[in-house]
Structure formats: structure tokens, C-alpha cells
Amino acid sequence: MAETIVAGISRGNGPGGPDGTPAPHADTALLGHNRPVGREPAGPPLPPQRRPGPSKPAILAAALRGRFWNSTPERLRLLRSAVLLLVLACAATVTAAGLGVAGTWDDITQRNAPRVTGAGDLYFALNDMDAQAANQLLSSGGPQVAAMPAQHEAAEKVYAAARHTVSAELLLLAGAAHGDPQAEATVVRFTDDFARYQELIGRALENDAHDRRKTDALTDYRTATDLLRQTLLPEAEHLGQTNDGAFEATYNARHRTLGGQTAAVIALGLALTVVLVATQLYLARRFRRIINPGLLAATVCTVLTTVLGATALATEAEDLRVARHDAFDSVVALSQARALSYDANADESRFLLDVQRHGTYEQAFQDTSQRLLTLPGATLDTYNARLDEAWTAYGADHRDLRFTGYYGNEFRNITFPGERAAAESAVQAYAVYERDDRTIRGLVQQGRLQDAVEFGIGWSQGASNYHFAQYDTALQKVIGINRAAFDDAAGDGRALVAGSLWPAGGALLAAAVLTVLGLRPRLAEFR
């Protein structure tokens, strides 16, 4: 029988080939077992490729959908949980902000500010003590100056008042330093140095009561005033600067925190509003109800909380800025100006008392004047003329400030009603006092020491101390305006915590309760 071969399979006299061997299977032939001669065999067969399975996040999402989003009750419970979690987060933020800012106001008003102003008051009172000690030595009489009983009695009274001020400020600083080991150690060291200073002044005054001990009295006074100038005053100034730095650090930290908390309240409030609106829309579609009163009220409460809370926190930040920079920066500058003014007044008395140190105390007065109101390049001989020129330029244009120093800082931070007029009066009174100083030095140069002392330490109208008292009163008025503004800002900040932040927290609680009550009837339909 004839053979027929199809697709490599032999067909003939049986199931096998002509010789009786089994014919190759078609699949085997296709895999290349009976390939035509001359073709290269292919490589090993490739394993079958598997389709990629779902990722782990997709598996997790599917599981969550099956667990929490598989039915209407589960969806409502999930939305309710989301609302409650957002309410909790927003309430925690508002509560933390309220407690934090209330604590900051307490720190600022009860610790930071008293520490700064206390150090400034300490500085000026120390200088006043030293000036009045010198005035007592001057007015007691001596070889070149006749006794002046009225001036001596006045100096005794002012000295006692200044000493009382120092003691009171040390007690205040000790209380404010409680819990701060470094500050406590500074106050203790300062108290010890002050006790030594009082001992030296007491010995000087005792020696001065005896005609033969006048020289010893001057020696003791020199030792005391050197202790004051080289130790006590630098310590008081450093204490003030350190305390002011701590105040600034407290302010910066709270101001940054308030900015973050304001942003968090806005973000959480918006997220909560979105979830509530989404829940409302879901209910409208699923239950054919356009409005759910409970959710609508909760949404209103949420919007109210967001607006009220964010506005309150932003206002708190502004109150802090006003208290610290608009008000207290001027309090610091002017308090330091007052302290240095008393230093200058003491240098005048030292100049009159100690002839051998004329040059030292004259230079000290010039340096202090330049720190108070800086006129670059001015000397004692040219200072008054330069001050008049700068003041005339300022009068023509308030933006034309040709002086710096502590008064320059104040005039660049004029903020509150009445502050500019008060600051101008203080500078004008300061200019009168500066002119009195030149009168004193002119009398000394003329050999009229008695007249110089009477004019320098006298309190009668027209005398130098009379003008200094007027200047001090004008300066304290400017300080008082800024201090009152500081107190007002602190009071507003405290009131805002009770008037806005706590009500915002109450509105959040109401939103949570209203959400639960609004969803309860819908969930009850599936029981």
C-alpha cells in the first residue's frame, strides 16, 4: 500500500512507520524532533508566565472596604468615626493652644517682665544711692566748701529711699528667679556685693562726721564707688540683658507655636467640614432626604469653631507682638535710659567731690550721654549744639532722626496715643539737664566750687537736681504709657482665651454630639 505523510506523521501499514516503529507524535514534531536537516534547534522551552497578583495595599484596601464599606450601616459608622476623630484632634489643638497661651501670659507678666524692669530699677537705684552718698559728703562742709544743711538733709532722705528701692528690687528678683539656679546664684552674689558696698558707704559717712577723717571718708567712698561701677552696675546690667533675652526667647517660641496651631485648626476644621458635607450628601442620596438637621447643625458648629478658633489664635499672636515689641521694647529702652540718666547724675556728684578723678568722671558722663542719645563724633563741648541741630531737623520732619542710642530706639518705635508728645517732652527736659551740666563744669573751671556744688546738688527751682527731677518725671511718663499698653495687651490676650478659645472648644463638643444624634435614626433603621 502506498504511504502518505502529513505534517510529519507517517500513515501506512499500521500505527507505526514502515518498519513497525511508532510514528512521532505531532506535538513532538512541532517541538522540533523531526526538523528538516540544516535548521538549528531552538533553546529550552520558556516557563509559562504568571499574571501579577494584587499588591499588598490593594489587598488591604479591599479588606477594609469589605469590613467597613460593605454596607450602609458600616459606611455610616465609618463616617461617624471620622467626624469624631477630627473633632478630637481639633479640640486637642484648641485646648493645647489655650492652655499654652494662658501659661505664656503668666510667665511674661509674672516672671519675664518683672525680671527685666526689676534689673533696670536696681541699676538706677544703685546710682542714686551713690550720688546721694557723694552729695552728703559734699554738703557736710570741708576746706573748700561750706556746709549746706538743707542739701545734706535732702541727700540723706533720698539715699534712704534709694536703698529701700534696691532692697525691694532684690526681693522681687529673688522671687522671680525661684526655680532658676543660675538666676538665683546671680541674685545671691549681687546681694553679698551690695552688703559690702553699704558697709563701705557707712564707714565713709561715719568718717566724714569727723573733721580729721575727711580724707579717710573720701578713700572709703572711692572704694565703694569702684565696687559699684566695676561689679554691681555691670551685674545689674547683665542681669537685665539676660532676663530680656529670656523674655524674647519665650515670646519667639510661643509666637511660632501659635502660627502652627492656627494652621492646624484651619486644616482640621476644613477636613471636618468636608467629612460632614460628604456624610450629608451620602444620606441625601441613600435615604432620599435632602437635609439631616443634626449634621447641618454640626457643620455650622464646625465652621464657627474654625473661624472663631483661628481668629482667636491669630489675635493672640498679635497681642503678644504688641506686648513684646510695640510696648515692652520701649519699656526696656526707656528703663535703661532712666538707669543711665541716674548714672550720669551720679558722675556729676563724683566729679564735684573728687578733684583727682575729674577726668575719669567727666569722660564717664560723656560716654553715658552718648549711650542715652548718640550723636556721632560729639564731645562735651559740642554735644549740646549737635543735639539742638538734630532736634531742629526732627521738628521739621519726624522721619529725619539724626540720633540713635536709647532715645533713638524709642523714637523709632512710637506706637501708642500720646507717646510721641511724651517722648518729645522727655528729650527736651534731657537737653535742659545737659545744659546744666555744662554750667556746673564752667563754674568749676572758674574756681567757683561752692557755687558749682550748690547748683549741682540743689533742689530749689532752677538748680540742676530740680531740672533732673523734671526730666525723670517726663521720662517716667513715657515709660508709663508703654507699660500701660503692655498691660492692656496682656489683659486682652487673657480675656481672649476665656472669651473665644474655650467657646470654640464647646462648639466642637456640640458638633460631635449633633453628629451622633443625627446619624442615630438612620442607623436604627438597620437594626
Protein backbone atom coordinates (compact mmCIF):
# COMPACT_ATOMS: atom_id res chain seq x y z
CA MET A 1 0.00 0.00 0.00
CA ALA A 2 1.18 3.43 -0.77
CA GLU A 3 2.29 5.68 2.08
CA THR A 4 1.04 9.20 2.80
CA ILE A 5 2.94 11.54 5.12
CA VAL A 6 1.03 14.51 6.60
CA ALA A 7 2.65 17.06 8.89
CA GLY A 8 5.48 14.73 9.77
CA ILE A 9 3.21 11.78 10.64
CA SER A 10 3.63 8.59 8.67
CA ARG A 11 0.50 6.89 7.55
CA GLY A 12 0.79 3.43 6.03
CA ASN A 13 0.60 -0.19 7.07
CA GLY A 14 -0.21 0.32 10.69
CA PRO A 15 0.08 2.66 13.58
CA GLY A 16 3.87 2.83 13.20
CA GLY A 17 6.27 3.51 10.36
CA PRO A 18 7.12 1.06 7.60
CA ASP A 19 9.47 -0.73 9.90
CA GLY A 20 6.89 -1.05 12.59
CA THR A 21 8.32 1.70 14.93
CA PRO A 22 5.86 4.14 16.40
CA ALA A 23 5.48 7.35 14.49
CA PRO A 24 6.47 10.52 16.32
CA HIS A 25 3.63 12.46 17.96
CA ALA A 26 2.53 15.64 16.24
CA ASP A 27 3.40 17.75 19.31
CA THR A 28 6.82 16.25 19.41
CA ALA A 29 7.34 17.03 15.78
CA LEU A 30 6.27 20.61 16.38
CA LEU A 31 8.79 20.92 19.21
CA GLY A 32 11.48 20.10 16.66
CA HIS A 33 12.22 16.40 16.94
CA ASN A 34 11.94 15.70 13.20
CA ARG A 35 13.14 19.11 11.99
CA PRO A 36 14.38 19.43 8.43
CA VAL A 37 18.08 19.00 8.02
CA GLY A 38 20.09 22.19 8.14
CA ARG A 39 18.00 24.11 10.78
CA GLU A 40 19.48 24.87 14.24
CA PRO A 41 17.45 23.52 17.18
CA ALA A 42 15.73 26.15 19.38
CA GLY A 43 16.67 26.76 23.07
CA PRO A 44 14.92 25.21 26.05
CA PRO A 45 11.22 25.98 26.34
CA LEU A 46 10.27 29.15 28.35
CA PRO A 47 8.32 28.60 31.55
CA PRO A 48 4.75 29.87 31.45
CA GLN A 49 4.41 33.50 32.68
CA ARG A 50 2.10 34.24 35.60
CA ARG A 51 -0.07 37.30 35.76
CA PRO A 52 0.92 39.68 38.65
CA GLY A 53 -1.37 39.39 41.65
CA PRO A 54 -2.81 42.34 43.59
CA SER A 55 -0.38 44.42 45.71
CA LYS A 56 -0.47 44.44 49.49
CA PRO A 57 -2.01 47.95 49.68
CA ALA A 58 -4.70 46.84 47.25
CA ILE A 59 -5.36 43.72 49.33
CA LEU A 60 -5.54 45.88 52.48
CA ALA A 61 -7.86 48.38 50.79
CA ALA A 62 -10.10 45.56 49.60
CA ALA A 63 -10.18 44.09 53.11
CA LEU A 64 -11.06 47.46 54.61
CA ARG A 65 -13.79 48.01 52.03
CA GLY A 66 -15.19 44.59 52.79
CA ARG A 67 -15.02 45.25 56.53
CA PHE A 68 -16.07 48.90 56.79
CA TRP A 69 -17.62 49.93 53.46
CA ASN A 70 -19.58 46.85 52.53
CA SER A 71 -22.97 48.03 53.75
CA THR A 72 -24.79 51.22 54.55
CA PRO A 73 -24.55 50.87 58.37
CA GLU A 74 -20.83 50.21 58.13
CA ARG A 75 -20.36 53.27 55.94
CA LEU A 76 -22.32 55.46 58.34
CA ARG A 77 -20.31 54.19 61.29
CA LEU A 78 -17.06 54.87 59.45
CA LEU A 79 -18.14 58.43 58.62
CA ARG A 80 -19.20 58.96 62.22
CA SER A 81 -15.82 57.71 63.46
CA ALA A 82 -14.02 60.04 61.05
CA VAL A 83 -16.02 63.00 62.36
CA LEU A 84 -15.32 62.11 65.99
CA LEU A 85 -11.60 61.64 65.37
CA LEU A 86 -11.34 65.01 63.62
CA VAL A 87 -13.32 66.65 66.42
CA LEU A 88 -10.94 65.12 68.96
CA ALA A 89 -7.86 66.32 67.05
CA CYS A 90 -9.24 69.84 66.62
CA ALA A 91 -10.34 70.02 70.26
CA ALA A 92 -6.90 68.87 71.41
CA THR A 93 -5.27 71.58 69.28
CA VAL A 94 -7.57 74.32 70.60
CA THR A 95 -7.13 73.15 74.20
CA ALA A 96 -3.35 72.97 73.89
CA ALA A 97 -3.29 76.43 72.35
CA GLY A 98 -5.49 77.89 75.08
CA LEU A 99 -3.51 76.38 77.93
CA GLY A 100 -0.21 77.27 76.27
CA VAL A 101 -1.01 80.90 75.63
CA ALA A 102 -2.52 81.32 79.12
CA GLY A 103 0.70 79.94 80.59
CA THR A 104 2.76 82.23 78.39
CA TRP A 105 0.89 85.31 79.58
CA ASP A 106 1.51 84.21 83.17
CA ASP A 107 5.23 83.74 82.50
CA ILE A 108 5.51 87.08 80.72
CA THR A 109 3.64 89.19 83.26
CA GLN A 110 4.72 87.43 86.46
CA ARG A 111 8.31 86.43 85.64
CA ASN A 112 9.84 87.80 82.44
CA ALA A 113 8.74 91.43 82.58
CA PRO A 114 9.33 91.90 86.34
CA ARG A 115 12.83 90.46 85.97
CA VAL A 116 13.71 92.92 83.21
CA THR A 117 12.24 96.03 84.81
CA GLY A 118 13.49 94.96 88.23
CA ALA A 119 17.08 94.87 86.97
CA GLY A 120 16.64 98.34 85.42
CA ASP A 121 15.19 99.76 88.64
CA LEU A 122 18.06 98.17 90.54
CA TYR A 123 20.57 99.90 88.27
CA PHE A 124 19.10 103.38 88.68
CA ALA A 125 18.56 103.00 92.45
CA LEU A 126 22.20 101.96 92.95
CA ASN A 127 23.38 105.03 91.08
CA ASP A 128 21.01 107.21 93.06
CA MET A 129 22.40 105.81 96.31
CA ASP A 130 25.94 106.55 95.18
CA ALA A 131 25.04 110.05 94.02
CA GLN A 132 23.34 110.87 97.31
CA ALA A 133 26.26 109.45 99.30
CA ALA A 134 28.54 111.82 97.37
CA ASN A 135 26.09 114.67 97.97
CA GLN A 136 26.17 114.02 101.71
CA LEU A 137 29.95 114.20 101.69
CA LEU A 138 29.83 117.40 99.64
CA SER A 139 27.17 119.14 101.75
CA SER A 140 28.73 118.29 105.11
CA GLY A 141 31.32 121.04 104.59
CA GLY A 142 35.07 120.97 104.26
CA PRO A 143 38.15 123.01 103.44
CA GLN A 144 36.80 124.26 100.10
CA VAL A 145 33.02 124.01 100.52
CA ALA A 146 30.84 125.40 103.30
CA ALA A 147 28.27 123.16 104.96
CA MET A 148 24.81 123.07 103.37
CA PRO A 149 22.38 121.63 105.93
CA ALA A 150 19.30 121.67 103.68
CA GLN A 151 21.06 119.83 100.86
CA HIS A 152 22.56 117.37 103.36
CA GLU A 153 19.16 116.52 104.83
CA ALA A 154 17.65 116.08 101.36
CA ALA A 155 20.52 113.80 100.33
CA GLU A 156 20.01 111.64 103.44
CA LYS A 157 16.32 111.18 102.66
CA VAL A 158 16.89 110.33 99.00
CA TYR A 159 19.70 107.93 99.93
CA ALA A 160 17.42 106.06 102.33
CA ALA A 161 14.67 105.85 99.69
CA ALA A 162 17.09 104.55 97.07
CA ARG A 163 18.45 101.94 99.48
CA HIS A 164 14.90 100.78 100.17
CA THR A 165 14.28 100.53 96.41
CA VAL A 166 17.37 98.35 95.97
CA SER A 167 16.27 96.03 98.79
CA ALA A 168 12.75 95.76 97.36
CA GLU A 169 14.01 95.03 93.85
CA LEU A 170 16.36 92.36 95.17
CA LEU A 171 13.41 90.66 96.87
CA LEU A 172 11.42 90.88 93.65
CA LEU A 173 14.28 89.46 91.60
CA ALA A 174 14.81 86.68 94.12
CA GLY A 175 11.15 85.68 93.85
CA ALA A 176 11.19 85.84 90.05
CA ALA A 177 14.40 83.76 89.97
CA HIS A 178 12.88 80.95 92.04
CA GLY A 179 13.44 77.64 90.27
CA ASP A 180 16.24 79.01 88.07
CA PRO A 181 19.56 78.01 89.71
CA GLN A 182 21.67 80.39 87.61
CA ALA A 183 19.43 83.39 88.30
CA GLU A 184 19.24 82.51 91.98
CA ALA A 185 23.04 82.36 92.20
CA THR A 186 23.30 85.77 90.48
CA VAL A 187 20.90 87.35 92.98
CA VAL A 188 22.76 85.84 95.93
CA ARG A 189 26.12 87.08 94.63
CA PHE A 190 24.68 90.52 93.97
CA THR A 191 23.22 90.68 97.49
CA ASP A 192 26.61 89.89 99.00
CA ASP A 193 28.31 92.60 96.92
CA PHE A 194 25.61 95.10 97.85
CA ALA A 195 26.13 94.37 101.55
CA ARG A 196 29.85 95.10 101.11
CA TYR A 197 29.02 98.35 99.30
CA GLN A 198 26.72 99.52 102.11
CA GLU A 199 29.42 98.76 104.64
CA LEU A 200 31.93 100.95 102.77
CA ILE A 201 29.45 103.83 102.36
CA GLY A 202 28.51 103.62 106.03
CA ARG A 203 32.16 103.83 107.02
CA ALA A 204 32.71 106.78 104.67
CA LEU A 205 29.78 108.69 106.17
CA GLU A 206 30.98 107.89 109.68
CA ASN A 207 34.49 109.16 108.94
CA ASP A 208 33.04 112.26 107.27
CA ALA A 209 31.40 113.23 110.55
CA HIS A 210 34.90 113.91 111.95
CA ASP A 211 36.89 116.79 110.52
CA ARG A 212 40.18 114.92 110.78
CA ARG A 213 38.85 111.92 108.90
CA LYS A 214 37.62 113.66 105.74
CA THR A 215 40.44 112.13 103.74
CA ASP A 216 39.59 108.65 105.03
CA ALA A 217 35.96 109.28 104.13
CA LEU A 218 36.93 110.08 100.53
CA THR A 219 39.12 106.96 100.38
CA ASP A 220 36.25 104.76 101.59
CA TYR A 221 33.89 106.39 99.12
CA ARG A 222 36.31 105.75 96.25
CA THR A 223 36.49 102.07 97.23
CA ALA A 224 32.70 101.89 97.43
CA THR A 225 32.06 103.62 94.11
CA ASP A 226 34.69 101.48 92.40
CA LEU A 227 32.89 98.39 93.70
CA LEU A 228 29.66 99.84 92.39
CA ARG A 229 30.98 100.77 88.95
CA GLN A 230 33.14 97.69 88.40
CA THR A 231 30.92 94.99 89.91
CA LEU A 232 27.40 95.96 90.96
CA LEU A 233 26.39 98.02 87.94
CA PRO A 234 27.77 95.54 85.36
CA GLU A 235 26.00 92.72 87.22
CA ALA A 236 22.71 94.66 87.22
CA GLU A 237 23.06 95.49 83.52
CA HIS A 238 23.95 91.90 82.63
CA LEU A 239 21.03 90.67 84.71
CA GLY A 240 18.69 92.93 82.76
CA GLN A 241 20.08 91.83 79.40
CA THR A 242 19.88 88.15 80.33
CA ASN A 243 16.30 88.49 81.55
CA ASP A 244 15.32 90.42 78.43
CA GLY A 245 16.85 87.66 76.30
CA ALA A 246 14.81 85.06 78.20
CA PHE A 247 11.69 87.16 77.60
CA GLU A 248 12.45 87.30 73.87
CA ALA A 249 13.01 83.54 73.72
CA THR A 250 9.67 82.90 75.45
CA TYR A 251 7.93 85.25 73.03
CA ASN A 252 9.52 83.72 69.92
CA ALA A 253 8.69 80.16 70.96
CA ARG A 254 5.04 80.94 71.70
CA HIS A 255 4.62 83.08 68.58
CA ARG A 256 5.90 80.25 66.36
CA THR A 257 3.71 77.72 68.14
CA LEU A 258 0.63 79.90 67.69
CA GLY A 259 1.31 80.13 63.97
CA GLY A 260 1.43 76.34 63.67
CA GLN A 261 -1.65 75.88 65.85
CA THR A 262 -3.60 78.40 63.78
CA ALA A 263 -2.77 76.49 60.60
CA ALA A 264 -3.68 73.19 62.28
CA VAL A 265 -7.09 74.49 63.42
CA ILE A 266 -7.86 75.73 59.92
CA ALA A 267 -6.77 72.44 58.30
CA LEU A 268 -8.65 70.25 60.78
CA GLY A 269 -11.73 72.46 60.60
CA LEU A 270 -11.79 72.27 56.82
CA ALA A 271 -11.31 68.49 56.89
CA LEU A 272 -14.11 68.11 59.41
CA THR A 273 -16.39 70.30 57.31
CA VAL A 274 -15.64 68.21 54.22
CA VAL A 275 -16.45 64.95 56.04
CA LEU A 276 -19.70 66.37 57.40
CA VAL A 277 -20.76 67.63 53.97
CA ALA A 278 -19.84 64.27 52.41
CA THR A 279 -21.94 62.49 55.03
CA GLN A 280 -24.83 64.82 54.33
CA LEU A 281 -24.61 64.11 50.59
CA TYR A 282 -24.43 60.36 51.18
CA LEU A 283 -27.54 60.46 53.34
CA ALA A 284 -29.36 62.53 50.76
CA ARG A 285 -28.56 60.01 48.01
CA ARG A 286 -29.09 56.85 50.04
CA PHE A 287 -32.14 57.82 52.10
CA ARG A 288 -33.68 60.41 49.78
CA ARG A 289 -33.51 63.06 52.46
CA ILE A 290 -32.17 66.45 51.40
CA ILE A 291 -31.11 67.72 54.83
CA ASN A 292 -30.15 66.00 58.05
CA PRO A 293 -30.76 68.64 60.77
CA GLY A 294 -28.21 67.19 63.17
CA LEU A 295 -25.43 67.12 60.58
CA LEU A 296 -26.37 70.60 59.38
CA ALA A 297 -26.10 71.95 62.92
CA ALA A 298 -22.80 70.09 63.40
CA THR A 299 -21.45 71.66 60.20
CA VAL A 300 -22.44 75.12 61.43
CA CYS A 301 -20.70 74.45 64.76
CA THR A 302 -17.59 73.29 62.91
CA VAL A 303 -17.43 76.38 60.72
CA LEU A 304 -17.97 78.54 63.81
CA THR A 305 -15.17 76.73 65.64
CA THR A 306 -12.77 77.09 62.72
CA VAL A 307 -13.42 80.79 62.27
CA LEU A 308 -13.52 81.58 65.98
CA GLY A 309 -10.51 79.45 66.89
CA ALA A 310 -8.28 80.57 64.02
CA THR A 311 -9.21 84.23 64.55
CA ALA A 312 -8.60 83.98 68.28
CA LEU A 313 -5.19 82.37 67.84
CA ALA A 314 -4.15 84.93 65.22
CA THR A 315 -5.30 87.71 67.56
CA GLU A 316 -3.35 86.14 70.43
CA ALA A 317 -0.22 86.21 68.26
CA GLU A 318 -0.82 89.88 67.50
CA ASP A 319 -1.42 90.69 71.19
CA LEU A 320 1.88 89.00 72.01
CA ARG A 321 3.65 91.04 69.33
CA VAL A 322 2.16 94.30 70.62
CA ALA A 323 3.05 93.45 74.21
CA ARG A 324 6.60 92.40 73.44
CA HIS A 325 7.75 94.66 70.62
CA ASP A 326 5.45 97.68 70.42
CA ALA A 327 5.21 98.16 74.18
CA PHE A 328 7.92 96.32 76.09
CA ASP A 329 10.77 97.11 73.71
CA SER A 330 10.14 100.76 74.55
CA VAL A 331 9.81 99.95 78.25
CA VAL A 332 13.23 98.30 78.12
CA ALA A 333 14.88 101.12 76.16
CA LEU A 334 13.41 103.84 78.34
CA SER A 335 14.08 102.00 81.61
CA GLN A 336 17.70 101.62 80.58
CA ALA A 337 17.74 105.30 79.64
CA ARG A 338 16.45 106.17 83.10
CA ALA A 339 19.05 103.98 84.78
CA LEU A 340 21.85 105.57 82.75
CA SER A 341 20.49 109.04 83.49
CA TYR A 342 20.93 108.36 87.19
CA ASP A 343 24.44 107.13 86.40
CA ALA A 344 25.19 110.44 84.68
CA ASN A 345 23.77 112.39 87.61
CA ALA A 346 25.97 110.40 89.98
CA ASP A 347 29.01 111.14 87.79
CA GLU A 348 28.32 114.86 88.26
CA SER A 349 28.38 114.47 92.05
CA ARG A 350 31.52 112.33 91.89
CA PHE A 351 33.12 114.98 89.66
CA LEU A 352 32.42 117.68 92.27
CA LEU A 353 33.58 115.55 95.18
CA ASP A 354 36.82 114.03 93.88
CA VAL A 355 39.15 116.55 92.23
CA GLN A 356 41.80 113.93 91.49
CA ARG A 357 39.33 111.98 89.34
CA HIS A 358 37.86 114.88 87.39
CA GLY A 359 38.96 113.48 84.05
CA THR A 360 37.61 109.97 84.79
CA TYR A 361 34.16 111.16 85.81
CA GLU A 362 33.93 113.74 83.03
CA GLN A 363 34.66 111.06 80.44
CA ALA A 364 32.15 108.75 82.12
CA PHE A 365 29.48 111.45 81.85
CA GLN A 366 30.21 111.94 78.15
CA ASP A 367 30.08 108.21 77.46
CA THR A 368 26.76 107.89 79.28
CA SER A 369 25.32 110.86 77.37
CA GLN A 370 26.27 109.19 74.10
CA ARG A 371 24.57 105.96 75.15
CA LEU A 372 21.42 107.86 76.02
CA LEU A 373 21.21 109.92 72.84
CA THR A 374 24.01 109.15 70.42
CA LEU A 375 25.40 111.98 68.30
CA PRO A 376 28.41 110.52 66.47
CA GLY A 377 31.61 112.49 66.99
CA ALA A 378 30.15 114.90 69.56
CA THR A 379 32.17 115.83 72.64
CA LEU A 380 31.04 117.59 75.80
CA ASP A 381 31.92 120.89 74.15
CA THR A 382 29.87 120.19 71.00
CA TYR A 383 27.18 117.85 72.30
CA ASN A 384 24.56 120.50 73.12
CA ALA A 385 24.92 122.27 69.76
CA ARG A 386 24.71 118.96 67.90
CA LEU A 387 21.64 118.00 69.93
CA ASP A 388 19.95 121.28 69.00
CA GLU A 389 20.68 120.67 65.32
CA ALA A 390 19.32 117.12 65.42
CA TRP A 391 16.23 118.24 67.28
CA THR A 392 15.56 121.05 64.80
CA ALA A 393 15.80 118.56 61.92
CA TYR A 394 13.41 116.22 63.71
CA GLY A 395 10.95 119.06 64.29
CA ALA A 396 10.89 119.78 60.56
CA ASP A 397 10.46 116.12 59.62
CA HIS A 398 9.76 113.41 62.20
CA ARG A 399 11.32 110.86 59.88
CA ASP A 400 14.64 112.72 59.96
CA LEU A 401 16.19 111.11 63.03
CA ARG A 402 19.83 112.10 63.29
CA PHE A 403 20.41 110.45 66.66
CA THR A 404 20.47 106.88 67.91
CA GLY A 405 21.02 105.36 71.35
CA TYR A 406 18.18 104.52 73.70
CA TYR A 407 16.23 107.61 72.71
CA GLY A 408 16.80 106.76 69.07
CA ASN A 409 15.31 103.30 69.73
CA GLU A 410 12.26 104.88 71.33
CA PHE A 411 11.63 107.40 68.54
CA ARG A 412 11.81 104.58 66.01
CA ASN A 413 9.15 102.66 67.93
CA ILE A 414 6.49 105.32 68.58
CA THR A 415 3.21 103.40 68.59
CA PHE A 416 0.60 104.49 71.12
CA PRO A 417 -1.54 107.62 71.57
CA GLY A 418 0.30 110.33 73.46
CA GLU A 419 3.63 108.53 73.24
CA ARG A 420 5.27 110.89 70.76
CA ALA A 421 4.40 114.04 72.70
CA ALA A 422 5.59 112.46 75.96
CA ALA A 423 8.86 111.30 74.37
CA GLU A 424 9.47 114.76 72.93
CA SER A 425 8.94 116.32 76.37
CA ALA A 426 11.44 113.87 77.87
CA VAL A 427 14.13 114.75 75.31
CA GLN A 428 13.55 118.47 75.80
CA ALA A 429 13.92 118.05 79.57
CA TYR A 430 17.04 115.98 78.96
CA ALA A 431 18.51 118.82 76.88
CA VAL A 432 17.95 121.24 79.79
CA TYR A 433 19.76 118.86 82.13
CA GLU A 434 22.67 118.58 79.70
CA ARG A 435 22.98 122.37 79.63
CA ASP A 436 23.00 122.40 83.45
CA ASP A 437 25.96 120.01 83.38
CA ARG A 438 28.00 122.44 81.29
CA THR A 439 27.11 125.20 83.75
CA ILE A 440 28.48 123.10 86.62
CA ARG A 441 31.73 122.38 84.80
CA GLY A 442 32.08 126.01 83.80
CA LEU A 443 31.76 127.14 87.43
CA VAL A 444 34.42 124.62 88.49
CA GLN A 445 36.78 125.87 85.79
CA GLN A 446 36.25 129.42 87.10
CA GLY A 447 37.26 128.31 90.59
CA ARG A 448 33.72 128.75 91.94
CA LEU A 449 33.39 125.30 93.53
CA GLN A 450 30.90 126.45 96.18
CA ASP A 451 28.54 127.82 93.52
CA ALA A 452 29.01 124.68 91.40
CA VAL A 453 28.09 122.40 94.33
CA GLU A 454 25.07 124.49 95.34
CA PHE A 455 23.80 124.50 91.75
CA GLY A 456 24.67 120.83 91.13
CA ILE A 457 23.08 119.24 94.21
CA GLY A 458 20.43 121.83 94.98
CA TRP A 459 16.71 121.14 94.70
CA SER A 460 15.49 124.73 94.50
CA GLN A 461 13.80 125.87 91.32
CA GLY A 462 16.33 126.39 88.56
CA ALA A 463 19.01 124.16 90.16
CA SER A 464 20.38 121.08 88.42
CA ASN A 465 18.65 118.49 90.65
CA TYR A 466 15.37 120.34 90.18
CA HIS A 467 15.71 120.04 86.42
CA PHE A 468 16.83 116.43 86.73
CA ALA A 469 13.67 115.62 88.71
CA GLN A 470 11.55 117.23 85.98
CA TYR A 471 13.41 115.21 83.38
CA ASP A 472 12.90 112.00 85.36
CA THR A 473 9.17 112.72 85.70
CA ALA A 474 8.86 113.25 81.94
CA LEU A 475 10.78 110.06 81.25
CA GLN A 476 8.62 108.03 83.62
CA LYS A 477 5.53 109.32 81.80
CA VAL A 478 6.73 107.76 78.53
CA ILE A 479 7.56 104.54 80.33
CA GLY A 480 4.11 104.57 81.90
CA ILE A 481 2.37 104.89 78.50
CA ASN A 482 4.20 101.86 77.16
CA ARG A 483 3.75 99.89 80.37
CA ALA A 484 0.01 100.55 80.28
CA ALA A 485 -0.08 99.35 76.65
CA PHE A 486 1.77 96.20 77.69
CA ASP A 487 -0.72 95.55 80.48
CA ASP A 488 -3.65 96.17 78.12
CA ALA A 489 -2.29 93.71 75.55
CA ALA A 490 -1.74 91.09 78.25
CA GLY A 491 -5.27 91.65 79.59
CA ASP A 492 -6.74 91.36 76.10
CA GLY A 493 -4.81 88.14 75.50
CA ARG A 494 -6.00 86.57 78.73
CA ALA A 495 -9.60 87.64 78.07
CA LEU A 496 -9.44 86.15 74.58
CA VAL A 497 -8.66 82.71 75.99
CA ALA A 498 -11.84 82.73 78.06
CA GLY A 499 -13.93 84.64 75.53
CA SER A 500 -13.09 82.80 72.32
CA LEU A 501 -10.93 79.70 72.66
CA TRP A 502 -12.99 77.93 75.29
CA PRO A 503 -16.28 78.68 73.44
CA ALA A 504 -14.65 77.28 70.30
CA GLY A 505 -13.96 74.07 72.20
CA GLY A 506 -17.58 73.99 73.33
CA ALA A 507 -18.77 74.34 69.74
CA LEU A 508 -16.60 71.36 68.79
CA LEU A 509 -18.18 69.25 71.53
CA ALA A 510 -21.61 70.27 70.25
CA ALA A 511 -20.60 69.22 66.71
CA ALA A 512 -19.65 65.76 67.95
CA VAL A 513 -22.91 65.31 69.88
CA LEU A 514 -25.02 66.58 66.97
CA THR A 515 -23.28 64.21 64.57
CA VAL A 516 -24.02 61.20 66.78
CA LEU A 517 -27.64 62.27 67.24
CA GLY A 518 -28.09 62.99 63.54
CA LEU A 519 -26.90 59.55 62.46
CA ARG A 520 -28.63 57.54 65.18
CA PRO A 521 -32.08 57.38 63.44
CA ARG A 522 -30.53 56.22 60.18
CA LEU A 523 -28.51 53.52 61.91
CA ALA A 524 -31.60 52.43 63.84
CA GLU A 525 -33.33 51.56 60.56
CA PHE A 526 -30.91 48.64 60.08
CA ARG A 527 -31.34 47.02 63.47
